[in-house]
Protein backbone atom coordinates (compact mmCIF):
# COMPACT_ATOMS: atom_id res chain seq x y z
CA MET A 1 173.44 115.45 100.33
CA MET A 2 175.78 112.54 101.06
CA ASN A 3 176.27 109.75 98.57
CA GLN A 4 174.63 106.57 99.68
CA ALA A 5 176.71 103.40 99.74
CA PRO A 6 175.60 100.89 97.11
CA GLN A 7 173.05 98.39 98.37
CA LYS A 8 174.29 94.96 99.47
CA LEU A 9 171.52 92.37 99.62
CA THR A 10 172.16 89.02 101.28
CA VAL A 11 170.33 86.07 99.79
CA GLY A 12 169.60 83.40 102.37
CA ILE A 13 169.15 79.68 101.80
CA ALA A 14 165.97 78.94 99.78
CA ASP A 15 165.73 82.66 99.05
CA MET A 16 165.88 85.06 96.09
CA LYS A 17 166.59 88.78 95.83
CA MET A 18 166.73 91.22 92.90
CA LEU A 19 168.75 94.35 92.26
CA GLN A 20 168.86 96.75 89.34
CA TRP A 21 171.89 98.80 88.24
CA ASP A 22 173.81 99.34 91.47
CA GLY A 23 174.84 97.27 94.42
CA GLU A 24 175.73 93.67 95.18
CA LEU A 25 173.78 90.46 95.59
CA ILE A 26 175.60 87.96 97.81
CA THR A 27 174.92 84.47 99.10
CA TYR A 28 177.07 82.51 101.54
CA ALA A 29 177.83 78.86 102.23
CA LEU A 30 177.00 77.33 98.86
CA GLY A 31 177.94 73.73 99.56
CA SER A 32 175.72 71.27 97.71
CA CYS A 33 173.32 74.20 97.19
CA ILE A 34 173.55 76.26 94.01
CA GLY A 35 173.52 80.01 93.55
CA ILE A 36 171.90 81.02 90.27
CA CYS A 37 172.35 84.55 88.90
CA LEU A 38 169.80 85.45 86.25
CA TYR A 39 170.67 88.70 84.49
CA ASP A 40 169.22 90.92 81.78
CA PRO A 41 172.18 93.04 80.61
CA ALA A 42 169.99 95.48 78.64
CA VAL A 43 168.22 96.76 81.78
CA LYS A 44 170.95 95.75 84.30
CA LEU A 45 168.42 93.73 86.29
CA ALA A 46 169.73 90.75 88.24
CA ALA A 47 168.28 88.07 90.51
CA LEU A 48 170.20 85.68 92.72
CA ILE A 49 168.54 82.45 93.90
CA HIS A 50 170.02 80.06 96.50
CA ILE A 51 168.46 76.65 95.80
CA MET A 52 168.87 73.59 98.03
CA LEU A 53 167.27 70.73 96.12
CA PRO A 54 166.70 69.72 92.49
CA ILE A 55 162.91 69.21 92.33
CA ASN A 56 159.93 70.54 94.28
CA MET A 57 157.97 67.56 95.57
CA GLU A 58 156.30 69.52 98.40
CA ALA A 59 152.57 69.26 98.76
CA GLY A 60 151.32 72.74 97.95
CA ARG A 61 154.83 73.72 96.76
CA LYS A 62 154.99 76.60 99.21
CA ASN A 63 158.74 77.26 99.30
CA THR A 64 159.42 77.80 95.61
CA MET A 65 162.98 79.15 96.01
CA LYS A 66 164.18 76.03 97.81
CA TYR A 67 164.11 74.03 94.55
CA ALA A 68 165.77 74.43 91.15
CA ASP A 69 162.64 73.81 89.07
CA THR A 70 160.15 76.10 90.82
CA GLY A 71 162.80 78.64 91.89
CA ILE A 72 164.01 79.29 88.34
CA LYS A 73 160.47 79.50 86.92
CA GLU A 74 159.24 81.92 89.63
CA THR A 75 162.37 84.10 89.42
CA ILE A 76 161.96 84.48 85.64
CA ARG A 77 158.32 85.50 86.23
CA GLN A 78 159.37 88.16 88.76
CA LEU A 79 162.20 89.46 86.55
CA GLU A 80 159.80 89.83 83.62
CA ALA A 81 157.36 91.69 85.89
CA ARG A 82 160.16 94.20 86.57
CA GLY A 83 161.03 94.74 82.90
CA ALA A 84 163.47 91.96 82.03
CA ARG A 85 162.96 90.04 78.79
CA LYS A 86 163.33 86.27 78.97
CA ASN A 87 165.09 86.14 75.60
CA ARG A 88 167.85 88.42 76.95
CA LEU A 89 168.42 86.58 80.24
CA VAL A 90 171.74 84.87 80.87
CA ALA A 91 172.77 82.73 83.81
CA LYS A 92 175.86 82.32 85.97
CA ILE A 93 175.87 79.48 88.48
CA ALA A 94 178.06 78.31 91.35
CA GLY A 95 177.95 75.58 93.98
CA GLY A 96 176.88 71.97 93.77
CA ALA A 97 179.86 70.69 95.76
CA LYS A 98 180.06 67.18 97.14
CA MET A 99 180.22 68.09 100.81
CA PHE A 100 179.82 64.68 102.44
CA GLU A 101 181.01 61.20 101.65
CA VAL A 102 177.95 58.99 101.74
CA SER A 103 178.73 55.34 102.35
CA GLY A 104 176.45 52.63 101.09
CA SER A 105 173.61 53.22 98.66
CA THR A 106 171.26 55.40 100.69
CA GLY A 107 169.78 56.91 97.56
CA LEU A 108 170.86 60.32 98.83
CA GLY A 109 174.03 60.11 96.79
CA ASN A 110 175.67 63.29 95.62
CA ILE A 111 173.00 65.96 96.08
CA GLY A 112 175.38 68.60 94.70
CA GLN A 113 175.65 66.75 91.39
CA ARG A 114 171.87 66.26 91.22
CA ASN A 115 171.42 70.00 91.85
CA ILE A 116 173.86 70.84 89.02
CA GLU A 117 172.01 68.55 86.59
CA SER A 118 168.61 69.96 87.61
CA VAL A 119 169.76 73.60 87.24
CA HIS A 120 171.25 72.85 83.80
CA MET A 121 168.07 71.06 82.67
CA ASN A 122 165.70 73.74 83.97
CA LEU A 123 167.68 76.63 82.46
CA ARG A 124 167.88 74.78 79.13
CA ARG A 125 164.11 74.16 79.26
CA GLU A 126 163.56 77.91 79.77
CA GLY A 127 165.95 78.76 76.90
CA ILE A 128 168.44 80.53 79.18
CA HIS A 129 172.12 80.24 78.30
CA ILE A 130 174.66 79.62 81.09
CA VAL A 131 177.50 82.01 80.26
CA SER A 132 179.72 80.92 83.13
CA GLU A 133 179.77 78.45 86.00
CA ASN A 134 181.90 77.19 88.85
CA VAL A 135 180.33 73.98 90.11
CA GLY A 136 181.22 70.66 91.70
CA GLY A 137 184.34 70.03 93.73
CA THR A 138 184.33 69.73 97.51
CA VAL A 139 184.50 73.32 98.82
CA ALA A 140 181.76 75.69 99.94
CA ARG A 141 181.59 78.97 98.05
CA THR A 142 180.40 82.53 98.58
CA LEU A 143 178.89 84.05 95.43
CA SER A 144 178.56 87.79 94.73
CA PHE A 145 176.93 89.39 91.70
CA PHE A 146 177.16 93.02 90.58
CA PRO A 147 174.30 94.14 88.28
CA ALA A 148 176.14 97.30 87.13
CA THR A 149 178.84 95.21 85.43
CA GLY A 150 177.23 91.77 85.13
CA GLN A 151 180.22 90.31 86.95
CA GLY A 152 180.07 87.48 89.43
CA GLN A 153 182.74 86.67 92.02
CA ILE A 154 183.37 83.49 93.95
CA ARG A 155 185.29 83.23 97.18
CA ALA A 156 186.22 79.85 98.62
CA TYR A 157 188.41 79.18 101.64
CA GLY A 158 192.08 78.97 100.71
CA GLN A 159 191.48 79.69 97.03
CA PRO A 160 192.05 82.79 94.89
CA LEU A 161 189.10 84.97 93.93
CA ILE A 162 187.30 83.60 90.86
CA ILE A 163 185.62 85.99 88.41
CA LEU A 164 182.47 84.49 86.96
């Protein structure tokens, strides 16, 4: 029997995927969006969420993973359903860049910064410690997470690999 290559799951925008033990979770093009890795090191279970906006104001709140508040809450629920314990979860986050200069006071402002603040607030509310982050700035990032080691990696154009 041939050895199978480790699984590589791509997390799209407003999406979440989970992996246990082996493989890689990866999400691309984190500009003002934020990638949130939630990880239980005791059972090597990881989830990666790619959120776009800070707060879910949708009627019916259908797309939970699009928003920091509902995305984090739902991901914790799904991790616990697969054997993770909330009190063991740690977080690693990346993204939240200021991708566009917005002139005038449109109220849109720096969505990346608002995403960072919302992710921090929601993780704190859930009692989850951020062990490492690479946020802000003006470059888009690609975030990978490896459940076997608990290591995150960030690639950004023209910059050295960052270990998270």
